[in-house]
Amino acid sequence: MGIVKISDPLHESLRVASQALSRSINAQAEHWMRIGMLAELHPQLNHSEICQLLIRAEQEGGLDLTRLAGWAQAPKARANVKGGRA
């Protein structure tokens, strides 16, 4: 665990979002970091798909990037099969 320095405006945004969503400021920041990390790793996924990955990960014991990498490929593979490209 470490300290991450962020700008005052971003901290204020975190404070507002955390209160609105009943999370601590740290939990809100971690949520945004997970969403952003997964969005960068899997740009083909939309926000809803990323949230589904996070829920599935939680059901299966927590965030594991290796496992999530495999899951993120599954929707794309299914789309290719439906489109006749498999």
PDB file of N, CA and C in Angstrom:
ATOM      1  N   MET A   1       0.846  -1.170   0.000  1.00  0.00           N
ATOM      2  CA  MET A   1       0.000   0.000   0.000  1.00  0.00           C
ATOM      3  C   MET A   1       0.891   1.233   0.000  1.00  0.00           C
ATOM      4  N   GLY A   2       0.431   2.257  -0.668  1.00  0.00           N
ATOM      5  CA  GLY A   2       1.218   3.468  -0.751  1.00  0.00           C
ATOM      6  C   GLY A   2       0.331   4.692  -0.802  1.00  0.00           C
ATOM      7  N   ILE A   3       0.973   5.820  -0.960  1.00  0.00           N
ATOM      8  CA  ILE A   3       0.259   7.082  -1.047  1.00  0.00           C
ATOM      9  C   ILE A   3       0.331   7.552  -2.491  1.00  0.00           C
ATOM     10  N   VAL A   4      -0.810   7.936  -3.014  1.00  0.00           N
ATOM     11  CA  VAL A   4      -0.885   8.469  -4.370  1.00  0.00           C
ATOM     12  C   VAL A   4      -1.310   9.926  -4.262  1.00  0.00           C
ATOM     13  N   LYS A   5      -0.530  10.808  -4.848  1.00  0.00           N
ATOM     14  CA  LYS A   5      -0.871  12.229  -4.821  1.00  0.00           C
ATOM     15  C   LYS A   5      -1.720  12.537  -6.050  1.00  0.00           C
ATOM     16  N   ILE A   6      -2.834  13.209  -5.805  1.00  0.00           N
ATOM     17  CA  ILE A   6      -3.717  13.624  -6.891  1.00  0.00           C
ATOM     18  C   ILE A   6      -4.020  15.103  -6.747  1.00  0.00           C
ATOM     19  N   SER A   7      -4.529  15.692  -7.801  1.00  0.00           N
ATOM     20  CA  SER A   7      -4.840  17.124  -7.774  1.00  0.00           C
ATOM     21  C   SER A   7      -6.023  17.400  -6.849  1.00  0.00           C
ATOM     22  N   ASP A   8      -6.091  18.624  -6.385  1.00  0.00           N
ATOM     23  CA  ASP A   8      -7.208  19.024  -5.527  1.00  0.00           C
ATOM     24  C   ASP A   8      -8.559  18.883  -6.244  1.00  0.00           C
ATOM     25  N   PRO A   9      -8.669  19.295  -7.515  1.00  0.00           N
ATOM     26  CA  PRO A   9      -9.965  19.128  -8.184  1.00  0.00           C
ATOM     27  C   PRO A   9     -10.391  17.652  -8.301  1.00  0.00           C
ATOM     28  N   LEU A  10      -9.441  16.761  -8.571  1.00  0.00           N
ATOM     29  CA  LEU A  10      -9.786  15.342  -8.652  1.00  0.00           C
ATOM     30  C   LEU A  10     -10.184  14.808  -7.281  1.00  0.00           C
ATOM     31  N   HIS A  11      -9.497  15.259  -6.241  1.00  0.00           N
ATOM     32  CA  HIS A  11      -9.854  14.833  -4.889  1.00  0.00           C
ATOM     33  C   HIS A  11     -11.273  15.289  -4.546  1.00  0.00           C
ATOM     34  N   GLU A  12     -11.622  16.502  -4.938  1.00  0.00           N
ATOM     35  CA  GLU A  12     -12.983  16.992  -4.686  1.00  0.00           C
ATOM     36  C   GLU A  12     -14.004  16.152  -5.452  1.00  0.00           C
ATOM     37  N   SER A  13     -13.688  15.778  -6.682  1.00  0.00           N
ATOM     38  CA  SER A  13     -14.585  14.900  -7.452  1.00  0.00           C
ATOM     39  C   SER A  13     -14.736  13.553  -6.760  1.00  0.00           C
ATOM     40  N   LEU A  14     -13.644  13.026  -6.244  1.00  0.00           N
ATOM     41  CA  LEU A  14     -13.695  11.768  -5.490  1.00  0.00           C
ATOM     42  C   LEU A  14     -14.579  11.903  -4.260  1.00  0.00           C
ATOM     43  N   ARG A  15     -14.434  13.009  -3.547  1.00  0.00           N
ATOM     44  CA  ARG A  15     -15.217  13.229  -2.340  1.00  0.00           C
ATOM     45  C   ARG A  15     -16.713  13.253  -2.658  1.00  0.00           C
ATOM     46  N   VAL A  16     -17.076  13.984  -3.701  1.00  0.00           N
ATOM     47  CA  VAL A  16     -18.488  14.091  -4.092  1.00  0.00           C
ATOM     48  C   VAL A  16     -19.027  12.730  -4.535  1.00  0.00           C
ATOM     49  N   ALA A  17     -18.285  12.041  -5.410  1.00  0.00           N
ATOM     50  CA  ALA A  17     -18.731  10.731  -5.894  1.00  0.00           C
ATOM     51  C   ALA A  17     -18.823   9.719  -4.767  1.00  0.00           C
ATOM     52  N   SER A  18     -17.858   9.754  -3.858  1.00  0.00           N
ATOM     53  CA  SER A  18     -17.872   8.780  -2.764  1.00  0.00           C
ATOM     54  C   SER A  18     -19.075   8.991  -1.856  1.00  0.00           C
ATOM     55  N   GLN A  19     -19.428  10.225  -1.589  1.00  0.00           N
ATOM     56  CA  GLN A  19     -20.609  10.494  -0.772  1.00  0.00           C
ATOM     57  C   GLN A  19     -21.880  10.072  -1.500  1.00  0.00           C
ATOM     58  N   ALA A  20     -21.958  10.384  -2.776  1.00  0.00           N
ATOM     59  CA  ALA A  20     -23.155  10.049  -3.547  1.00  0.00           C
ATOM     60  C   ALA A  20     -23.356   8.541  -3.671  1.00  0.00           C
ATOM     61  N   LEU A  21     -22.254   7.800  -3.724  1.00  0.00           N
ATOM     62  CA  LEU A  21     -22.326   6.353  -3.934  1.00  0.00           C
ATOM     63  C   LEU A  21     -22.073   5.552  -2.663  1.00  0.00           C
ATOM     64  N   SER A  22     -22.067   6.232  -1.514  1.00  0.00           N
ATOM     65  CA  SER A  22     -21.895   5.579  -0.206  1.00  0.00           C
ATOM     66  C   SER A  22     -20.620   4.738  -0.135  1.00  0.00           C
ATOM     67  N   ARG A  23     -19.532   5.311  -0.645  1.00  0.00           N
ATOM     68  CA  ARG A  23     -18.221   4.668  -0.569  1.00  0.00           C
ATOM     69  C   ARG A  23     -17.268   5.610   0.147  1.00  0.00           C
ATOM     70  N   SER A  24     -16.200   5.043   0.680  1.00  0.00           N
ATOM     71  CA  SER A  24     -15.138   5.903   1.200  1.00  0.00           C
ATOM     72  C   SER A  24     -14.421   6.540   0.008  1.00  0.00           C
ATOM     73  N   ILE A  25     -13.689   7.598   0.273  1.00  0.00           N
ATOM     74  CA  ILE A  25     -12.921   8.236  -0.806  1.00  0.00           C
ATOM     75  C   ILE A  25     -11.936   7.234  -1.393  1.00  0.00           C
ATOM     76  N   ASN A  26     -11.259   6.455  -0.550  1.00  0.00           N
ATOM     77  CA  ASN A  26     -10.310   5.458  -1.052  1.00  0.00           C
ATOM     78  C   ASN A  26     -11.013   4.388  -1.882  1.00  0.00           C
ATOM     79  N   ALA A  27     -12.183   3.927  -1.451  1.00  0.00           N
ATOM     80  CA  ALA A  27     -12.919   2.907  -2.210  1.00  0.00           C
ATOM     81  C   ALA A  27     -13.357   3.454  -3.564  1.00  0.00           C
ATOM     82  N   GLN A  28     -13.767   4.724  -3.602  1.00  0.00           N
ATOM     83  CA  GLN A  28     -14.174   5.332  -4.871  1.00  0.00           C
ATOM     84  C   GLN A  28     -12.977   5.451  -5.810  1.00  0.00           C
ATOM     85  N   ALA A  29     -11.834   5.876  -5.278  1.00  0.00           N
ATOM     86  CA  ALA A  29     -10.628   5.990  -6.099  1.00  0.00           C
ATOM     87  C   ALA A  29     -10.223   4.621  -6.635  1.00  0.00           C
ATOM     88  N   GLU A  30     -10.270   3.600  -5.790  1.00  0.00           N
ATOM     89  CA  GLU A  30      -9.923   2.252  -6.238  1.00  0.00           C
ATOM     90  C   GLU A  30     -10.887   1.767  -7.316  1.00  0.00           C
ATOM     91  N   HIS A  31     -12.165   2.061  -7.156  1.00  0.00           N
ATOM     92  CA  HIS A  31     -13.154   1.675  -8.171  1.00  0.00           C
ATOM     93  C   HIS A  31     -12.818   2.324  -9.516  1.00  0.00           C
ATOM     94  N   TRP A  32     -12.559   3.625  -9.497  1.00  0.00           N
ATOM     95  CA  TRP A  32     -12.222   4.318 -10.733  1.00  0.00           C
ATOM     96  C   TRP A  32     -10.928   3.771 -11.343  1.00  0.00           C
ATOM     97  N   MET A  33      -9.962   3.418 -10.506  1.00  0.00           N
ATOM     98  CA  MET A  33      -8.704   2.872 -11.025  1.00  0.00           C
ATOM     99  C   MET A  33      -8.929   1.509 -11.679  1.00  0.00           C
ATOM    100  N   ARG A  34      -9.760   0.679 -11.071  1.00  0.00           N
ATOM    101  CA  ARG A  34     -10.060  -0.631 -11.671  1.00  0.00           C
ATOM    102  C   ARG A  34     -10.747  -0.461 -13.027  1.00  0.00           C
ATOM    103  N   ILE A  35     -11.748   0.411 -13.064  1.00  0.00           N
ATOM    104  CA  ILE A  35     -12.467   0.653 -14.325  1.00  0.00           C
ATOM    105  C   ILE A  35     -11.485   1.161 -15.385  1.00  0.00           C
ATOM    106  N   GLY A  36     -10.673   2.131 -15.020  1.00  0.00           N
ATOM    107  CA  GLY A  36      -9.715   2.696 -15.971  1.00  0.00           C
ATOM    108  C   GLY A  36      -8.681   1.689 -16.433  1.00  0.00           C
ATOM    109  N   MET A  37      -8.162   0.893 -15.495  1.00  0.00           N
ATOM    110  CA  MET A  37      -7.164  -0.116 -15.841  1.00  0.00           C
ATOM    111  C   MET A  37      -7.756  -1.123 -16.833  1.00  0.00           C
ATOM    112  N   LEU A  38      -8.956  -1.601 -16.539  1.00  0.00           N
ATOM    113  CA  LEU A  38      -9.582  -2.584 -17.425  1.00  0.00           C
ATOM    114  C   LEU A  38      -9.962  -1.968 -18.769  1.00  0.00           C
ATOM    115  N   ALA A  39     -10.351  -0.695 -18.766  1.00  0.00           N
ATOM    116  CA  ALA A  39     -10.666  -0.017 -20.029  1.00  0.00           C
ATOM    117  C   ALA A  39      -9.426   0.102 -20.912  1.00  0.00           C
ATOM    118  N   GLU A  40      -8.276   0.350 -20.293  1.00  0.00           N
ATOM    119  CA  GLU A  40      -7.039   0.436 -21.070  1.00  0.00           C
ATOM    120  C   GLU A  40      -6.588  -0.938 -21.554  1.00  0.00           C
ATOM    121  N   LEU A  41      -6.762  -1.958 -20.721  1.00  0.00           N
ATOM    122  CA  LEU A  41      -6.357  -3.308 -21.113  1.00  0.00           C
ATOM    123  C   LEU A  41      -7.282  -3.917 -22.163  1.00  0.00           C
ATOM    124  N   HIS A  42      -8.553  -3.516 -22.123  1.00  0.00           N
ATOM    125  CA  HIS A  42      -9.565  -4.105 -23.009  1.00  0.00           C
ATOM    126  C   HIS A  42     -10.429  -3.010 -23.635  1.00  0.00           C
ATOM    127  N   PRO A  43      -9.874  -2.241 -24.564  1.00  0.00           N
ATOM    128  CA  PRO A  43     -10.614  -1.110 -25.132  1.00  0.00           C
ATOM    129  C   PRO A  43     -11.859  -1.524 -25.918  1.00  0.00           C
ATOM    130  N   GLN A  44     -11.979  -2.799 -26.245  1.00  0.00           N
ATOM    131  CA  GLN A  44     -13.155  -3.259 -26.975  1.00  0.00           C
ATOM    132  C   GLN A  44     -14.384  -3.387 -26.078  1.00  0.00           C
ATOM    133  N   LEU A  45     -14.189  -3.349 -24.761  1.00  0.00           N
ATOM    134  CA  LEU A  45     -15.304  -3.497 -23.820  1.00  0.00           C
ATOM    135  C   LEU A  45     -15.884  -2.139 -23.451  1.00  0.00           C
ATOM    136  N   ASN A  46     -17.205  -2.100 -23.276  1.00  0.00           N
ATOM    137  CA  ASN A  46     -17.835  -0.872 -22.810  1.00  0.00           C
ATOM    138  C   ASN A  46     -17.921  -0.898 -21.282  1.00  0.00           C
ATOM    139  N   HIS A  47     -18.390   0.178 -20.707  1.00  0.00           N
ATOM    140  CA  HIS A  47     -18.442   0.300 -19.248  1.00  0.00           C
ATOM    141  C   HIS A  47     -19.279  -0.811 -18.625  1.00  0.00           C
ATOM    142  N   SER A  48     -20.398  -1.124 -19.213  1.00  0.00           N
ATOM    143  CA  SER A  48     -21.259  -2.179 -18.678  1.00  0.00           C
ATOM    144  C   SER A  48     -20.546  -3.530 -18.670  1.00  0.00           C
ATOM    145  N   GLU A  49     -19.824  -3.837 -19.729  1.00  0.00           N
ATOM    146  CA  GLU A  49     -19.087  -5.106 -19.794  1.00  0.00           C
ATOM    147  C   GLU A  49     -17.961  -5.151 -18.760  1.00  0.00           C
ATOM    148  N   ILE A  50     -17.309  -4.017 -18.553  1.00  0.00           N
ATOM    149  CA  ILE A  50     -16.256  -3.959 -17.541  1.00  0.00           C
ATOM    150  C   ILE A  50     -16.855  -4.185 -16.151  1.00  0.00           C
ATOM    151  N   CYS A  51     -17.982  -3.567 -15.875  1.00  0.00           N
ATOM    152  CA  CYS A  51     -18.642  -3.775 -14.575  1.00  0.00           C
ATOM    153  C   CYS A  51     -19.047  -5.233 -14.400  1.00  0.00           C
ATOM    154  N   GLN A  52     -19.515  -5.868 -15.463  1.00  0.00           N
ATOM    155  CA  GLN A  52     -19.861  -7.288 -15.386  1.00  0.00           C
ATOM    156  C   GLN A  52     -18.630  -8.127 -15.067  1.00  0.00           C
ATOM    157  N   LEU A  53     -17.478  -7.772 -15.652  1.00  0.00           N
ATOM    158  CA  LEU A  53     -16.234  -8.484 -15.342  1.00  0.00           C
ATOM    159  C   LEU A  53     -15.867  -8.328 -13.869  1.00  0.00           C
ATOM    160  N   LEU A  54     -16.020  -7.123 -13.344  1.00  0.00           N
ATOM    161  CA  LEU A  54     -15.693  -6.887 -11.938  1.00  0.00           C
ATOM    162  C   LEU A  54     -16.620  -7.675 -11.014  1.00  0.00           C
ATOM    163  N   ILE A  55     -17.892  -7.742 -11.351  1.00  0.00           N
ATOM    164  CA  ILE A  55     -18.836  -8.515 -10.535  1.00  0.00           C
ATOM    165  C   ILE A  55     -18.485  -9.993 -10.586  1.00  0.00           C
ATOM    166  N   ARG A  56     -18.211 -10.488 -11.779  1.00  0.00           N
ATOM    167  CA  ARG A  56     -17.837 -11.901 -11.918  1.00  0.00           C
ATOM    168  C   ARG A  56     -16.551 -12.199 -11.140  1.00  0.00           C
ATOM    169  N   ALA A  57     -15.591 -11.296 -11.222  1.00  0.00           N
ATOM    170  CA  ALA A  57     -14.334 -11.485 -10.491  1.00  0.00           C
ATOM    171  C   ALA A  57     -14.591 -11.564  -8.996  1.00  0.00           C
ATOM    172  N   GLU A  58     -15.451 -10.699  -8.497  1.00  0.00           N
ATOM    173  CA  GLU A  58     -15.760 -10.712  -7.066  1.00  0.00           C
ATOM    174  C   GLU A  58     -16.424 -12.028  -6.666  1.00  0.00           C
ATOM    175  N   GLN A  59     -17.319 -12.522  -7.498  1.00  0.00           N
ATOM    176  CA  GLN A  59     -17.993 -13.793  -7.222  1.00  0.00           C
ATOM    177  C   GLN A  59     -17.011 -14.961  -7.200  1.00  0.00           C
ATOM    178  N   GLU A  60     -15.903 -14.809  -7.934  1.00  0.00           N
ATOM    179  CA  GLU A  60     -14.935 -15.895  -8.049  1.00  0.00           C
ATOM    180  C   GLU A  60     -13.678 -15.665  -7.215  1.00  0.00           C
ATOM    181  N   GLY A  61     -13.765 -14.778  -6.232  1.00  0.00           N
ATOM    182  CA  GLY A  61     -12.663 -14.646  -5.291  1.00  0.00           C
ATOM    183  C   GLY A  61     -11.853 -13.372  -5.371  1.00  0.00           C
ATOM    184  N   GLY A  62     -12.213 -12.449  -6.218  1.00  0.00           N
ATOM    185  CA  GLY A  62     -11.500 -11.177  -6.270  1.00  0.00           C
ATOM    186  C   GLY A  62     -10.845 -10.922  -7.618  1.00  0.00           C
ATOM    187  N   LEU A  63     -10.344  -9.722  -7.780  1.00  0.00           N
ATOM    188  CA  LEU A  63      -9.758  -9.283  -9.043  1.00  0.00           C
ATOM    189  C   LEU A  63      -8.434  -9.995  -9.299  1.00  0.00           C
ATOM    190  N   ASP A  64      -8.370 -10.743 -10.380  1.00  0.00           N
ATOM    191  CA  ASP A  64      -7.164 -11.445 -10.823  1.00  0.00           C
ATOM    192  C   ASP A  64      -6.992 -11.097 -12.300  1.00  0.00           C
ATOM    193  N   LEU A  65      -5.991 -10.281 -12.615  1.00  0.00           N
ATOM    194  CA  LEU A  65      -5.844  -9.786 -13.989  1.00  0.00           C
ATOM    195  C   LEU A  65      -5.647 -10.894 -15.006  1.00  0.00           C
ATOM    196  N   THR A  66      -4.959 -11.959 -14.640  1.00  0.00           N
ATOM    197  CA  THR A  66      -4.751 -13.067 -15.577  1.00  0.00           C
ATOM    198  C   THR A  66      -6.089 -13.707 -15.947  1.00  0.00           C
ATOM    199  N   ARG A  67      -6.913 -13.959 -14.942  1.00  0.00           N
ATOM    200  CA  ARG A  67      -8.223 -14.563 -15.198  1.00  0.00           C
ATOM    201  C   ARG A  67      -9.126 -13.603 -15.978  1.00  0.00           C
ATOM    202  N   LEU A  68      -9.112 -12.312 -15.605  1.00  0.00           N
ATOM    203  CA  LEU A  68      -9.936 -11.337 -16.302  1.00  0.00           C
ATOM    204  C   LEU A  68      -9.522 -11.187 -17.764  1.00  0.00           C
ATOM    205  N   ALA A  69      -8.251 -11.339 -18.042  1.00  0.00           N
ATOM    206  CA  ALA A  69      -7.792 -11.242 -19.430  1.00  0.00           C
ATOM    207  C   ALA A  69      -8.464 -12.314 -20.282  1.00  0.00           C
ATOM    208  N   GLY A  70      -8.585 -13.502 -19.750  1.00  0.00           N
ATOM    209  CA  GLY A  70      -9.256 -14.577 -20.468  1.00  0.00           C
ATOM    210  C   GLY A  70     -10.742 -14.323 -20.619  1.00  0.00           C
ATOM    211  N   TRP A  71     -11.375 -13.807 -19.561  1.00  0.00           N
ATOM    212  CA  TRP A  71     -12.812 -13.523 -19.622  1.00  0.00           C
ATOM    213  C   TRP A  71     -13.108 -12.435 -20.638  1.00  0.00           C
ATOM    214  N   ALA A  72     -12.259 -11.448 -20.723  1.00  0.00           N
ATOM    215  CA  ALA A  72     -12.505 -10.320 -21.617  1.00  0.00           C
ATOM    216  C   ALA A  72     -12.476 -10.763 -23.071  1.00  0.00           C
ATOM    217  N   GLN A  73     -11.771 -11.828 -23.378  1.00  0.00           N
ATOM    218  CA  GLN A  73     -11.727 -12.323 -24.742  1.00  0.00           C
ATOM    219  C   GLN A  73     -13.005 -13.076 -25.110  1.00  0.00           C
ATOM    220  N   ALA A  74     -13.696 -13.621 -24.129  1.00  0.00           N
ATOM    221  CA  ALA A  74     -14.883 -14.434 -24.391  1.00  0.00           C
ATOM    222  C   ALA A  74     -15.972 -13.672 -25.134  1.00  0.00           C
ATOM    223  N   PRO A  75     -16.375 -12.440 -24.737  1.00  0.00           N
ATOM    224  CA  PRO A  75     -17.428 -11.747 -25.489  1.00  0.00           C
ATOM    225  C   PRO A  75     -17.042 -11.502 -26.939  1.00  0.00           C
ATOM    226  N   LYS A  76     -15.777 -11.185 -27.187  1.00  0.00           N
ATOM    227  CA  LYS A  76     -15.315 -10.942 -28.551  1.00  0.00           C
ATOM    228  C   LYS A  76     -15.377 -12.232 -29.363  1.00  0.00           C
ATOM    229  N   ALA A  77     -14.969 -13.338 -28.770  1.00  0.00           N
ATOM    230  CA  ALA A  77     -15.006 -14.623 -29.466  1.00  0.00           C
ATOM    231  C   ALA A  77     -16.442 -15.016 -29.789  1.00  0.00           C
ATOM    232  N   ARG A  78     -17.370 -14.789 -28.841  1.00  0.00           N
ATOM    233  CA  ARG A  78     -18.777 -15.109 -29.088  1.00  0.00           C
ATOM    234  C   ARG A  78     -19.321 -14.258 -30.216  1.00  0.00           C
ATOM    235  N   ALA A  79     -18.941 -12.985 -30.271  1.00  0.00           N
ATOM    236  CA  ALA A  79     -19.418 -12.105 -31.335  1.00  0.00           C
ATOM    237  C   ALA A  79     -18.919 -12.594 -32.690  1.00  0.00           C
ATOM    238  N   ASN A  80     -17.679 -13.066 -32.739  1.00  0.00           N
ATOM    239  CA  ASN A  80     -17.140 -13.571 -33.995  1.00  0.00           C
ATOM    240  C   ASN A  80     -17.883 -14.821 -34.448  1.00  0.00           C
ATOM    241  N   VAL A  81     -18.262 -15.685 -33.521  1.00  0.00           N
ATOM    242  CA  VAL A  81     -19.012 -16.893 -33.864  1.00  0.00           C
ATOM    243  C   VAL A  81     -20.378 -16.504 -34.411  1.00  0.00           C
ATOM    244  N   LYS A  82     -21.064 -15.579 -33.750  1.00  0.00           N
ATOM    245  CA  LYS A  82     -22.379 -15.135 -34.210  1.00  0.00           C
ATOM    246  C   LYS A  82     -22.297 -14.488 -35.576  1.00  0.00           C
ATOM    247  N   GLY A  83     -21.203 -13.805 -35.846  1.00  0.00           N
ATOM    248  CA  GLY A  83     -21.030 -13.124 -37.120  1.00  0.00           C
ATOM    249  C   GLY A  83     -20.506 -14.050 -38.212  1.00  0.00           C
ATOM    250  N   GLY A  84     -20.283 -15.326 -37.896  1.00  0.00           N
ATOM    251  CA  GLY A  84     -19.811 -16.276 -38.873  1.00  0.00           C
ATOM    252  C   GLY A  84     -18.335 -16.199 -39.170  1.00  0.00           C
ATOM    253  N   ARG A  85     -17.555 -15.597 -38.259  1.00  0.00           N
ATOM    254  CA  ARG A  85     -16.132 -15.424 -38.528  1.00  0.00           C
ATOM    255  C   ARG A  85     -15.276 -16.414 -37.757  1.00  0.00           C
ATOM    256  N   ALA A  86     -15.869 -17.329 -37.010  1.00  0.00           N
ATOM    257  CA  ALA A  86     -15.059 -18.253 -36.213  1.00  0.00           C
ATOM    258  C   ALA A  86     -14.607 -19.443 -37.019  1.00  0.00           C
TER     259      ALA A  86
END
